[in-house]
Amino acid sequence: MDSSNSHKEQLEEKRRFWKQHIEDWQAGDINQTQYCREHHLAVHRFTYWKKKFQIPETSQSLIELTLPPALYPKMPSPASPLRVLISRFQVSVDRDFDPLTLRQLIYTLEHL
């Protein structure tokens, strides 16, 4: 078990290392290649980790529509909740769910 924990700790350490470098680079005003040169980092590895931490661009192409409440007549809740498959997770949602909470849950599950 020690080697398993040690391996997990090493992976977490690597993840923290690259996350910190990417955040530092984003806070600065130099390009990625120059940042890598100054910090003695391989550009291809930096790019790999940057993509790993990036929010998918597809989420930016969605348009949120707000419809007046009159278009949603009150209906009794169904006997079984709505089931949504997100990545490898299945989520049950009742009719009176909070859309903001569901959106945050989906984002969290997609980034696990």
PDB file of N, CA and C in Angstrom:
ATOM      1  N   MET A   1       0.805  -1.198   0.000  1.00  0.00           N
ATOM      2  CA  MET A   1       0.000   0.000   0.000  1.00  0.00           C
ATOM      3  C   MET A   1       0.847   1.260   0.000  1.00  0.00           C
ATOM      4  N   ASP A   2       2.019   1.191   0.607  1.00  0.00           N
ATOM      5  CA  ASP A   2       2.876   2.358   0.666  1.00  0.00           C
ATOM      6  C   ASP A   2       3.276   2.841  -0.717  1.00  0.00           C
ATOM      7  N   SER A   3       3.594   1.905  -1.615  1.00  0.00           N
ATOM      8  CA  SER A   3       3.996   2.312  -2.960  1.00  0.00           C
ATOM      9  C   SER A   3       2.827   2.942  -3.708  1.00  0.00           C
ATOM     10  N   SER A   4       1.599   2.458  -3.451  1.00  0.00           N
ATOM     11  CA  SER A   4       0.413   3.032  -4.087  1.00  0.00           C
ATOM     12  C   SER A   4       0.191   4.467  -3.608  1.00  0.00           C
ATOM     13  N   ASN A   5       0.292   4.674  -2.292  1.00  0.00           N
ATOM     14  CA  ASN A   5       0.139   6.023  -1.746  1.00  0.00           C
ATOM     15  C   ASN A   5       1.252   6.933  -2.225  1.00  0.00           C
ATOM     16  N   SER A   6       2.458   6.394  -2.275  1.00  0.00           N
ATOM     17  CA  SER A   6       3.602   7.170  -2.737  1.00  0.00           C
ATOM     18  C   SER A   6       3.405   7.600  -4.189  1.00  0.00           C
ATOM     19  N   HIS A   7       2.902   6.690  -5.011  1.00  0.00           N
ATOM     20  CA  HIS A   7       2.645   7.007  -6.422  1.00  0.00           C
ATOM     21  C   HIS A   7       1.576   8.089  -6.542  1.00  0.00           C
ATOM     22  N   LYS A   8       0.522   7.959  -5.752  1.00  0.00           N
ATOM     23  CA  LYS A   8      -0.545   8.969  -5.775  1.00  0.00           C
ATOM     24  C   LYS A   8      -0.018  10.324  -5.322  1.00  0.00           C
ATOM     25  N   GLU A   9       0.828  10.310  -4.294  1.00  0.00           N
ATOM     26  CA  GLU A   9       1.412  11.562  -3.812  1.00  0.00           C
ATOM     27  C   GLU A   9       2.300  12.201  -4.877  1.00  0.00           C
ATOM     28  N   GLN A  10       3.053  11.379  -5.590  1.00  0.00           N
ATOM     29  CA  GLN A  10       3.912  11.906  -6.662  1.00  0.00           C
ATOM     30  C   GLN A  10       3.077  12.522  -7.769  1.00  0.00           C
ATOM     31  N   LEU A  11       1.976  11.857  -8.134  1.00  0.00           N
ATOM     32  CA  LEU A  11       1.098  12.402  -9.170  1.00  0.00           C
ATOM     33  C   LEU A  11       0.480  13.715  -8.720  1.00  0.00           C
ATOM     34  N   GLU A  12       0.046  13.769  -7.473  1.00  0.00           N
ATOM     35  CA  GLU A  12      -0.550  15.000  -6.946  1.00  0.00           C
ATOM     36  C   GLU A  12       0.484  16.121  -6.893  1.00  0.00           C
ATOM     37  N   GLU A  13       1.693  15.796  -6.536  1.00  0.00           N
ATOM     38  CA  GLU A  13       2.775  16.782  -6.495  1.00  0.00           C
ATOM     39  C   GLU A  13       3.045  17.337  -7.904  1.00  0.00           C
ATOM     40  N   LYS A  14       3.071  16.453  -8.890  1.00  0.00           N
ATOM     41  CA  LYS A  14       3.286  16.864 -10.283  1.00  0.00           C
ATOM     42  C   LYS A  14       2.145  17.772 -10.746  1.00  0.00           C
ATOM     43  N   ARG A  15       0.924  17.397 -10.382  1.00  0.00           N
ATOM     44  CA  ARG A  15      -0.252  18.178 -10.756  1.00  0.00           C
ATOM     45  C   ARG A  15      -0.161  19.587 -10.142  1.00  0.00           C
ATOM     46  N   ARG A  16       0.199  19.664  -8.871  1.00  0.00           N
ATOM     47  CA  ARG A  16       0.338  20.968  -8.207  1.00  0.00           C
ATOM     48  C   ARG A  16       1.455  21.794  -8.854  1.00  0.00           C
ATOM     49  N   PHE A  17       2.567  21.141  -9.189  1.00  0.00           N
ATOM     50  CA  PHE A  17       3.696  21.808  -9.829  1.00  0.00           C
ATOM     51  C   PHE A  17       3.257  22.502 -11.119  1.00  0.00           C
ATOM     52  N   TRP A  18       2.586  21.739 -12.009  1.00  0.00           N
ATOM     53  CA  TRP A  18       2.192  22.288 -13.298  1.00  0.00           C
ATOM     54  C   TRP A  18       1.069  23.302 -13.153  1.00  0.00           C
ATOM     55  N   LYS A  19       0.146  23.088 -12.259  1.00  0.00           N
ATOM     56  CA  LYS A  19      -0.949  24.037 -12.044  1.00  0.00           C
ATOM     57  C   LYS A  19      -0.384  25.384 -11.609  1.00  0.00           C
ATOM     58  N   GLN A  20       0.591  25.360 -10.702  1.00  0.00           N
ATOM     59  CA  GLN A  20       1.198  26.602 -10.236  1.00  0.00           C
ATOM     60  C   GLN A  20       1.925  27.328 -11.373  1.00  0.00           C
ATOM     61  N   HIS A  21       2.662  26.580 -12.202  1.00  0.00           N
ATOM     62  CA  HIS A  21       3.357  27.206 -13.333  1.00  0.00           C
ATOM     63  C   HIS A  21       2.366  27.811 -14.323  1.00  0.00           C
ATOM     64  N   ILE A  22       1.291  27.111 -14.593  1.00  0.00           N
ATOM     65  CA  ILE A  22       0.302  27.629 -15.548  1.00  0.00           C
ATOM     66  C   ILE A  22      -0.364  28.885 -14.996  1.00  0.00           C
ATOM     67  N   GLU A  23      -0.690  28.883 -13.710  1.00  0.00           N
ATOM     68  CA  GLU A  23      -1.283  30.076 -13.100  1.00  0.00           C
ATOM     69  C   GLU A  23      -0.304  31.246 -13.122  1.00  0.00           C
ATOM     70  N   ASP A  24       0.970  30.974 -12.838  1.00  0.00           N
ATOM     71  CA  ASP A  24       1.989  32.033 -12.880  1.00  0.00           C
ATOM     72  C   ASP A  24       2.132  32.593 -14.290  1.00  0.00           C
ATOM     73  N   TRP A  25       2.131  31.708 -15.285  1.00  0.00           N
ATOM     74  CA  TRP A  25       2.248  32.148 -16.678  1.00  0.00           C
ATOM     75  C   TRP A  25       1.047  33.012 -17.074  1.00  0.00           C
ATOM     76  N   GLN A  26      -0.162  32.578 -16.690  1.00  0.00           N
ATOM     77  CA  GLN A  26      -1.359  33.335 -17.037  1.00  0.00           C
ATOM     78  C   GLN A  26      -1.373  34.709 -16.376  1.00  0.00           C
ATOM     79  N   ALA A  27      -0.788  34.807 -15.195  1.00  0.00           N
ATOM     80  CA  ALA A  27      -0.754  36.086 -14.482  1.00  0.00           C
ATOM     81  C   ALA A  27       0.287  37.040 -15.070  1.00  0.00           C
ATOM     82  N   GLY A  28       1.220  36.500 -15.822  1.00  0.00           N
ATOM     83  CA  GLY A  28       2.279  37.321 -16.402  1.00  0.00           C
ATOM     84  C   GLY A  28       1.913  37.875 -17.764  1.00  0.00           C
ATOM     85  N   ASP A  29       2.914  38.477 -18.421  1.00  0.00           N
ATOM     86  CA  ASP A  29       2.657  39.080 -19.737  1.00  0.00           C
ATOM     87  C   ASP A  29       3.649  38.601 -20.797  1.00  0.00           C
ATOM     88  N   ILE A  30       4.162  37.367 -20.633  1.00  0.00           N
ATOM     89  CA  ILE A  30       5.054  36.809 -21.652  1.00  0.00           C
ATOM     90  C   ILE A  30       4.381  35.595 -22.279  1.00  0.00           C
ATOM     91  N   ASN A  31       4.849  35.228 -23.473  1.00  0.00           N
ATOM     92  CA  ASN A  31       4.223  34.090 -24.147  1.00  0.00           C
ATOM     93  C   ASN A  31       4.694  32.771 -23.519  1.00  0.00           C
ATOM     94  N   GLN A  32       4.013  31.726 -23.881  1.00  0.00           N
ATOM     95  CA  GLN A  32       4.253  30.408 -23.287  1.00  0.00           C
ATOM     96  C   GLN A  32       5.681  29.919 -23.517  1.00  0.00           C
ATOM     97  N   THR A  33       6.176  30.055 -24.722  1.00  0.00           N
ATOM     98  CA  THR A  33       7.527  29.584 -25.038  1.00  0.00           C
ATOM     99  C   THR A  33       8.578  30.318 -24.210  1.00  0.00           C
ATOM    100  N   GLN A  34       8.420  31.612 -24.103  1.00  0.00           N
ATOM    101  CA  GLN A  34       9.367  32.406 -23.328  1.00  0.00           C
ATOM    102  C   GLN A  34       9.305  32.004 -21.848  1.00  0.00           C
ATOM    103  N   TYR A  35       8.094  31.811 -21.330  1.00  0.00           N
ATOM    104  CA  TYR A  35       7.951  31.390 -19.933  1.00  0.00           C
ATOM    105  C   TYR A  35       8.665  30.054 -19.700  1.00  0.00           C
ATOM    106  N   CYS A  36       8.462  29.115 -20.610  1.00  0.00           N
ATOM    107  CA  CYS A  36       9.098  27.799 -20.477  1.00  0.00           C
ATOM    108  C   CYS A  36      10.615  27.914 -20.499  1.00  0.00           C
ATOM    109  N   ARG A  37      11.123  28.748 -21.384  1.00  0.00           N
ATOM    110  CA  ARG A  37      12.573  28.942 -21.452  1.00  0.00           C
ATOM    111  C   ARG A  37      13.112  29.488 -20.136  1.00  0.00           C
ATOM    112  N   GLU A  38      12.440  30.497 -19.615  1.00  0.00           N
ATOM    113  CA  GLU A  38      12.899  31.142 -18.377  1.00  0.00           C
ATOM    114  C   GLU A  38      12.843  30.207 -17.170  1.00  0.00           C
ATOM    115  N   HIS A  39      11.919  29.239 -17.202  1.00  0.00           N
ATOM    116  CA  HIS A  39      11.752  28.332 -16.059  1.00  0.00           C
ATOM    117  C   HIS A  39      12.272  26.920 -16.345  1.00  0.00           C
ATOM    118  N   HIS A  40      12.954  26.773 -17.472  1.00  0.00           N
ATOM    119  CA  HIS A  40      13.563  25.486 -17.857  1.00  0.00           C
ATOM    120  C   HIS A  40      12.520  24.365 -17.895  1.00  0.00           C
ATOM    121  N   LEU A  41      11.419  24.644 -18.604  1.00  0.00           N
ATOM    122  CA  LEU A  41      10.324  23.675 -18.743  1.00  0.00           C
ATOM    123  C   LEU A  41      10.204  23.256 -20.205  1.00  0.00           C
ATOM    124  N   ALA A  42       9.826  21.997 -20.432  1.00  0.00           N
ATOM    125  CA  ALA A  42       9.590  21.517 -21.797  1.00  0.00           C
ATOM    126  C   ALA A  42       8.258  22.085 -22.291  1.00  0.00           C
ATOM    127  N   VAL A  43       8.284  22.735 -23.443  1.00  0.00           N
ATOM    128  CA  VAL A  43       7.088  23.382 -23.986  1.00  0.00           C
ATOM    129  C   VAL A  43       5.971  22.361 -24.208  1.00  0.00           C
ATOM    130  N   HIS A  44       6.307  21.173 -24.744  1.00  0.00           N
ATOM    131  CA  HIS A  44       5.257  20.189 -25.015  1.00  0.00           C
ATOM    132  C   HIS A  44       4.596  19.702 -23.727  1.00  0.00           C
ATOM    133  N   ARG A  45       5.345  19.605 -22.644  1.00  0.00           N
ATOM    134  CA  ARG A  45       4.736  19.195 -21.364  1.00  0.00           C
ATOM    135  C   ARG A  45       3.874  20.319 -20.791  1.00  0.00           C
ATOM    136  N   PHE A  46       4.343  21.533 -20.947  1.00  0.00           N
ATOM    137  CA  PHE A  46       3.562  22.685 -20.489  1.00  0.00           C
ATOM    138  C   PHE A  46       2.218  22.716 -21.223  1.00  0.00           C
ATOM    139  N   THR A  47       2.264  22.511 -22.536  1.00  0.00           N
ATOM    140  CA  THR A  47       1.048  22.507 -23.347  1.00  0.00           C
ATOM    141  C   THR A  47       0.112  21.389 -22.915  1.00  0.00           C
ATOM    142  N   TYR A  48       0.659  20.215 -22.655  1.00  0.00           N
ATOM    143  CA  TYR A  48      -0.146  19.074 -22.204  1.00  0.00           C
ATOM    144  C   TYR A  48      -0.887  19.427 -20.913  1.00  0.00           C
ATOM    145  N   TRP A  49      -0.186  19.959 -19.932  1.00  0.00           N
ATOM    146  CA  TRP A  49      -0.806  20.269 -18.641  1.00  0.00           C
ATOM    147  C   TRP A  49      -1.758  21.458 -18.755  1.00  0.00           C
ATOM    148  N   LYS A  50      -1.429  22.404 -19.610  1.00  0.00           N
ATOM    149  CA  LYS A  50      -2.326  23.546 -19.803  1.00  0.00           C
ATOM    150  C   LYS A  50      -3.673  23.054 -20.322  1.00  0.00           C
ATOM    151  N   LYS A  51      -3.647  22.112 -21.264  1.00  0.00           N
ATOM    152  CA  LYS A  51      -4.897  21.553 -21.808  1.00  0.00           C
ATOM    153  C   LYS A  51      -5.652  20.760 -20.744  1.00  0.00           C
ATOM    154  N   LYS A  52      -4.913  20.063 -19.872  1.00  0.00           N
ATOM    155  CA  LYS A  52      -5.553  19.290 -18.808  1.00  0.00           C
ATOM    156  C   LYS A  52      -6.332  20.174 -17.844  1.00  0.00           C
ATOM    157  N   PHE A  53      -5.842  21.380 -17.587  1.00  0.00           N
ATOM    158  CA  PHE A  53      -6.482  22.281 -16.643  1.00  0.00           C
ATOM    159  C   PHE A  53      -7.471  23.232 -17.295  1.00  0.00           C
ATOM    160  N   GLN A  54      -7.559  23.205 -18.604  1.00  0.00           N
ATOM    161  CA  GLN A  54      -8.391  24.158 -19.332  1.00  0.00           C
ATOM    162  C   GLN A  54      -9.864  23.783 -19.261  1.00  0.00           C
ATOM    163  N   ILE A  55     -10.726  24.803 -19.198  1.00  0.00           N
ATOM    164  CA  ILE A  55     -12.169  24.599 -19.272  1.00  0.00           C
ATOM    165  C   ILE A  55     -12.500  24.358 -20.742  1.00  0.00           C
ATOM    166  N   PRO A  56     -13.303  23.330 -21.041  1.00  0.00           N
ATOM    167  CA  PRO A  56     -13.625  23.053 -22.444  1.00  0.00           C
ATOM    168  C   PRO A  56     -14.271  24.261 -23.122  1.00  0.00           C
ATOM    169  N   GLU A  57     -13.820  24.550 -24.331  1.00  0.00           N
ATOM    170  CA  GLU A  57     -14.350  25.694 -25.065  1.00  0.00           C
ATOM    171  C   GLU A  57     -15.797  25.492 -25.481  1.00  0.00           C
ATOM    172  N   THR A  58     -16.236  24.234 -25.589  1.00  0.00           N
ATOM    173  CA  THR A  58     -17.616  23.979 -26.009  1.00  0.00           C
ATOM    174  C   THR A  58     -18.604  24.597 -25.043  1.00  0.00           C
ATOM    175  N   SER A  59     -18.245  24.714 -23.765  1.00  0.00           N
ATOM    176  CA  SER A  59     -19.165  25.293 -22.793  1.00  0.00           C
ATOM    177  C   SER A  59     -19.410  26.777 -23.089  1.00  0.00           C
ATOM    178  N   GLN A  60     -18.473  27.428 -23.780  1.00  0.00           N
ATOM    179  CA  GLN A  60     -18.632  28.837 -24.104  1.00  0.00           C
ATOM    180  C   GLN A  60     -19.567  29.043 -25.291  1.00  0.00           C
ATOM    181  N   SER A  61     -19.863  28.000 -26.043  1.00  0.00           N
ATOM    182  CA  SER A  61     -20.711  28.164 -27.207  1.00  0.00           C
ATOM    183  C   SER A  61     -22.190  27.948 -26.886  1.00  0.00           C
ATOM    184  N   LEU A  62     -22.494  27.595 -25.643  1.00  0.00           N
ATOM    185  CA  LEU A  62     -23.883  27.403 -25.255  1.00  0.00           C
ATOM    186  C   LEU A  62     -24.542  28.746 -24.987  1.00  0.00           C
ATOM    187  N   ILE A  63     -25.805  28.852 -25.334  1.00  0.00           N
ATOM    188  CA  ILE A  63     -26.559  30.074 -25.097  1.00  0.00           C
ATOM    189  C   ILE A  63     -27.646  29.757 -24.090  1.00  0.00           C
ATOM    190  N   GLU A  64     -27.696  30.532 -23.020  1.00  0.00           N
ATOM    191  CA  GLU A  64     -28.706  30.318 -21.996  1.00  0.00           C
ATOM    192  C   GLU A  64     -29.971  31.077 -22.366  1.00  0.00           C
ATOM    193  N   LEU A  65     -31.084  30.388 -22.336  1.00  0.00           N
ATOM    194  CA  LEU A  65     -32.375  31.000 -22.629  1.00  0.00           C
ATOM    195  C   LEU A  65     -33.168  31.095 -21.335  1.00  0.00           C
ATOM    196  N   THR A  66     -33.762  32.255 -21.101  1.00  0.00           N
ATOM    197  CA  THR A  66     -34.623  32.421 -19.943  1.00  0.00           C
ATOM    198  C   THR A  66     -36.034  32.658 -20.465  1.00  0.00           C
ATOM    199  N   LEU A  67     -36.919  31.755 -20.117  1.00  0.00           N
ATOM    200  CA  LEU A  67     -38.301  31.864 -20.562  1.00  0.00           C
ATOM    201  C   LEU A  67     -39.171  32.310 -19.400  1.00  0.00           C
ATOM    202  N   PRO A  68     -40.236  33.026 -19.705  1.00  0.00           N
ATOM    203  CA  PRO A  68     -41.107  33.482 -18.625  1.00  0.00           C
ATOM    204  C   PRO A  68     -41.739  32.292 -17.902  1.00  0.00           C
ATOM    205  N   PRO A  69     -41.991  32.436 -16.597  1.00  0.00           N
ATOM    206  CA  PRO A  69     -42.547  31.327 -15.825  1.00  0.00           C
ATOM    207  C   PRO A  69     -43.879  30.815 -16.358  1.00  0.00           C
ATOM    208  N   ALA A  70     -44.661  31.649 -17.048  1.00  0.00           N
ATOM    209  CA  ALA A  70     -45.959  31.230 -17.560  1.00  0.00           C
ATOM    210  C   ALA A  70     -45.837  30.076 -18.552  1.00  0.00           C
ATOM    211  N   LEU A  71     -44.668  29.939 -19.190  1.00  0.00           N
ATOM    212  CA  LEU A  71     -44.489  28.861 -20.150  1.00  0.00           C
ATOM    213  C   LEU A  71     -44.228  27.519 -19.480  1.00  0.00           C
ATOM    214  N   TYR A  72     -44.025  27.528 -18.173  1.00  0.00           N
ATOM    215  CA  TYR A  72     -43.774  26.307 -17.420  1.00  0.00           C
ATOM    216  C   TYR A  72     -44.929  26.047 -16.466  1.00  0.00           C
ATOM    217  N   PRO A  73     -45.978  25.406 -16.936  1.00  0.00           N
ATOM    218  CA  PRO A  73     -47.110  25.147 -16.033  1.00  0.00           C
ATOM    219  C   PRO A  73     -46.679  24.209 -14.905  1.00  0.00           C
ATOM    220  N   LYS A  74     -47.250  24.434 -13.731  1.00  0.00           N
ATOM    221  CA  LYS A  74     -46.942  23.576 -12.592  1.00  0.00           C
ATOM    222  C   LYS A  74     -47.486  22.183 -12.861  1.00  0.00           C
ATOM    223  N   MET A  75     -46.611  21.215 -12.751  1.00  0.00           N
ATOM    224  CA  MET A  75     -47.004  19.837 -12.962  1.00  0.00           C
ATOM    225  C   MET A  75     -46.549  19.044 -11.746  1.00  0.00           C
ATOM    226  N   PRO A  76     -47.289  18.022 -11.399  1.00  0.00           N
ATOM    227  CA  PRO A  76     -46.846  17.197 -10.276  1.00  0.00           C
ATOM    228  C   PRO A  76     -45.528  16.516 -10.610  1.00  0.00           C
ATOM    229  N   SER A  77     -44.690  16.350  -9.606  1.00  0.00           N
ATOM    230  CA  SER A  77     -43.414  15.680  -9.820  1.00  0.00           C
ATOM    231  C   SER A  77     -43.655  14.246 -10.236  1.00  0.00           C
ATOM    232  N   PRO A  78     -42.879  13.764 -11.194  1.00  0.00           N
ATOM    233  CA  PRO A  78     -43.052  12.371 -11.616  1.00  0.00           C
ATOM    234  C   PRO A  78     -42.638  11.424 -10.499  1.00  0.00           C
ATOM    235  N   ALA A  79     -43.098  10.194 -10.602  1.00  0.00           N
ATOM    236  CA  ALA A  79     -42.774   9.195  -9.583  1.00  0.00           C
ATOM    237  C   ALA A  79     -41.267   8.942  -9.533  1.00  0.00           C
ATOM    238  N   SER A  80     -40.619   8.995 -10.681  1.00  0.00           N
ATOM    239  CA  SER A  80     -39.172   8.776 -10.696  1.00  0.00           C
ATOM    240  C   SER A  80     -38.484  10.033 -11.216  1.00  0.00           C
ATOM    241  N   PRO A  81     -37.312  10.359 -10.669  1.00  0.00           N
ATOM    242  CA  PRO A  81     -36.595  11.563 -11.095  1.00  0.00           C
ATOM    243  C   PRO A  81     -35.992  11.416 -12.488  1.00  0.00           C
ATOM    244  N   LEU A  82     -35.666  12.536 -13.067  1.00  0.00           N
ATOM    245  CA  LEU A  82     -34.968  12.578 -14.354  1.00  0.00           C
ATOM    246  C   LEU A  82     -33.547  12.117 -14.111  1.00  0.00           C
ATOM    247  N   ARG A  83     -33.011  11.288 -15.007  1.00  0.00           N
ATOM    248  CA  ARG A  83     -31.630  10.807 -14.856  1.00  0.00           C
ATOM    249  C   ARG A  83     -30.781  11.410 -15.965  1.00  0.00           C
ATOM    250  N   VAL A  84     -29.627  11.952 -15.558  1.00  0.00           N
ATOM    251  CA  VAL A  84     -28.709  12.601 -16.481  1.00  0.00           C
ATOM    252  C   VAL A  84     -27.365  11.898 -16.379  1.00  0.00           C
ATOM    253  N   LEU A  85     -26.776  11.552 -17.538  1.00  0.00           N
ATOM    254  CA  LEU A  85     -25.457  10.920 -17.564  1.00  0.00           C
ATOM    255  C   LEU A  85     -24.417  11.984 -17.880  1.00  0.00           C
ATOM    256  N   ILE A  86     -23.468  12.171 -16.941  1.00  0.00           N
ATOM    257  CA  ILE A  86     -22.412  13.174 -17.082  1.00  0.00           C
ATOM    258  C   ILE A  86     -21.093  12.446 -16.934  1.00  0.00           C
ATOM    259  N   SER A  87     -20.320  12.427 -18.009  1.00  0.00           N
ATOM    260  CA  SER A  87     -19.073  11.668 -18.033  1.00  0.00           C
ATOM    261  C   SER A  87     -19.376  10.243 -17.602  1.00  0.00           C
ATOM    262  N   ARG A  88     -18.781   9.825 -16.501  1.00  0.00           N
ATOM    263  CA  ARG A  88     -19.020   8.458 -16.034  1.00  0.00           C
ATOM    264  C   ARG A  88     -19.987   8.420 -14.858  1.00  0.00           C
ATOM    265  N   PHE A  89     -20.677   9.540 -14.604  1.00  0.00           N
ATOM    266  CA  PHE A  89     -21.577   9.650 -13.466  1.00  0.00           C
ATOM    267  C   PHE A  89     -23.030   9.721 -13.915  1.00  0.00           C
ATOM    268  N   GLN A  90     -23.906   9.174 -13.105  1.00  0.00           N
ATOM    269  CA  GLN A  90     -25.339   9.276 -13.351  1.00  0.00           C
ATOM    270  C   GLN A  90     -25.941  10.098 -12.220  1.00  0.00           C
ATOM    271  N   VAL A  91     -26.688  11.152 -12.575  1.00  0.00           N
ATOM    272  CA  VAL A  91     -27.262  12.061 -11.588  1.00  0.00           C
ATOM    273  C   VAL A  91     -28.778  12.022 -11.717  1.00  0.00           C
ATOM    274  N   SER A  92     -29.465  11.925 -10.586  1.00  0.00           N
ATOM    275  CA  SER A  92     -30.929  11.989 -10.570  1.00  0.00           C
ATOM    276  C   SER A  92     -31.342  13.414 -10.229  1.00  0.00           C
ATOM    277  N   VAL A  93     -32.282  13.961 -11.018  1.00  0.00           N
ATOM    278  CA  VAL A  93     -32.703  15.351 -10.841  1.00  0.00           C
ATOM    279  C   VAL A  93     -34.226  15.393 -10.717  1.00  0.00           C
ATOM    280  N   ASP A  94     -34.715  16.007  -9.638  1.00  0.00           N
ATOM    281  CA  ASP A  94     -36.161  16.200  -9.481  1.00  0.00           C
ATOM    282  C   ASP A  94     -36.604  17.373 -10.333  1.00  0.00           C
ATOM    283  N   ARG A  95     -37.893  17.485 -10.579  1.00  0.00           N
ATOM    284  CA  ARG A  95     -38.411  18.564 -11.422  1.00  0.00           C
ATOM    285  C   ARG A  95     -38.136  19.948 -10.843  1.00  0.00           C
ATOM    286  N   ASP A  96     -38.110  20.069  -9.528  1.00  0.00           N
ATOM    287  CA  ASP A  96     -37.931  21.389  -8.924  1.00  0.00           C
ATOM    288  C   ASP A  96     -36.465  21.663  -8.563  1.00  0.00           C
ATOM    289  N   PHE A  97     -35.546  21.175  -9.417  1.00  0.00           N
ATOM    290  CA  PHE A  97     -34.116  21.353  -9.168  1.00  0.00           C
ATOM    291  C   PHE A  97     -33.708  22.812  -9.352  1.00  0.00           C
ATOM    292  N   ASP A  98     -32.563  23.154  -8.780  1.00  0.00           N
ATOM    293  CA  ASP A  98     -31.986  24.487  -8.936  1.00  0.00           C
ATOM    294  C   ASP A  98     -31.011  24.439 -10.116  1.00  0.00           C
ATOM    295  N   PRO A  99     -31.288  25.147 -11.210  1.00  0.00           N
ATOM    296  CA  PRO A  99     -30.414  25.085 -12.397  1.00  0.00           C
ATOM    297  C   PRO A  99     -28.964  25.473 -12.125  1.00  0.00           C
ATOM    298  N   LEU A 100     -28.732  26.452 -11.262  1.00  0.00           N
ATOM    299  CA  LEU A 100     -27.366  26.875 -10.967  1.00  0.00           C
ATOM    300  C   LEU A 100     -26.602  25.762 -10.248  1.00  0.00           C
ATOM    301  N   THR A 101     -27.254  25.107  -9.319  1.00  0.00           N
ATOM    302  CA  THR A 101     -26.614  24.001  -8.606  1.00  0.00           C
ATOM    303  C   THR A 101     -26.303  22.863  -9.573  1.00  0.00           C
ATOM    304  N   LEU A 102     -27.230  22.548 -10.475  1.00  0.00           N
ATOM    305  CA  LEU A 102     -26.996  21.495 -11.459  1.00  0.00           C
ATOM    306  C   LEU A 102     -25.826  21.861 -12.361  1.00  0.00           C
ATOM    307  N   ARG A 103     -25.752  23.108 -12.791  1.00  0.00           N
ATOM    308  CA  ARG A 103     -24.648  23.560 -13.643  1.00  0.00           C
ATOM    309  C   ARG A 103     -23.311  23.399 -12.920  1.00  0.00           C
ATOM    310  N   GLN A 104     -23.251  23.771 -11.647  1.00  0.00           N
ATOM    311  CA  GLN A 104     -22.020  23.630 -10.865  1.00  0.00           C
ATOM    312  C   GLN A 104     -21.653  22.163 -10.680  1.00  0.00           C
ATOM    313  N   LEU A 105     -22.655  21.323 -10.472  1.00  0.00           N
ATOM    314  CA  LEU A 105     -22.409  19.894 -10.317  1.00  0.00           C
ATOM    315  C   LEU A 105     -21.850  19.297 -11.612  1.00  0.00           C
ATOM    316  N   ILE A 106     -22.426  19.654 -12.740  1.00  0.00           N
ATOM    317  CA  ILE A 106     -21.956  19.147 -14.035  1.00  0.00           C
ATOM    318  C   ILE A 106     -20.507  19.572 -14.271  1.00  0.00           C
ATOM    319  N   TYR A 107     -20.189  20.833 -14.012  1.00  0.00           N
ATOM    320  CA  TYR A 107     -18.826  21.320 -14.197  1.00  0.00           C
ATOM    321  C   TYR A 107     -17.865  20.542 -13.314  1.00  0.00           C
ATOM    322  N   THR A 108     -18.243  20.338 -12.059  1.00  0.00           N
ATOM    323  CA  THR A 108     -17.386  19.617 -11.117  1.00  0.00           C
ATOM    324  C   THR A 108     -17.157  18.193 -11.575  1.00  0.00           C
ATOM    325  N   LEU A 109     -18.204  17.492 -11.980  1.00  0.00           N
ATOM    326  CA  LEU A 109     -18.073  16.099 -12.401  1.00  0.00           C
ATOM    327  C   LEU A 109     -17.236  15.966 -13.667  1.00  0.00           C
ATOM    328  N   GLU A 110     -17.363  16.903 -14.583  1.00  0.00           N
ATOM    329  CA  GLU A 110     -16.592  16.845 -15.823  1.00  0.00           C
ATOM    330  C   GLU A 110     -15.104  17.074 -15.577  1.00  0.00           C
ATOM    331  N   HIS A 111     -14.747  17.675 -14.455  1.00  0.00           N
ATOM    332  CA  HIS A 111     -13.347  17.990 -14.177  1.00  0.00           C
ATOM    333  C   HIS A 111     -12.732  17.116 -13.092  1.00  0.00           C
ATOM    334  N   LEU A 112     -13.368  16.028 -12.781  1.00  0.00           N
ATOM    335  CA  LEU A 112     -12.783  15.088 -11.819  1.00  0.00           C
ATOM    336  C   LEU A 112     -11.753  14.213 -12.489  1.00  0.00           C
TER     337      LEU A 112
END
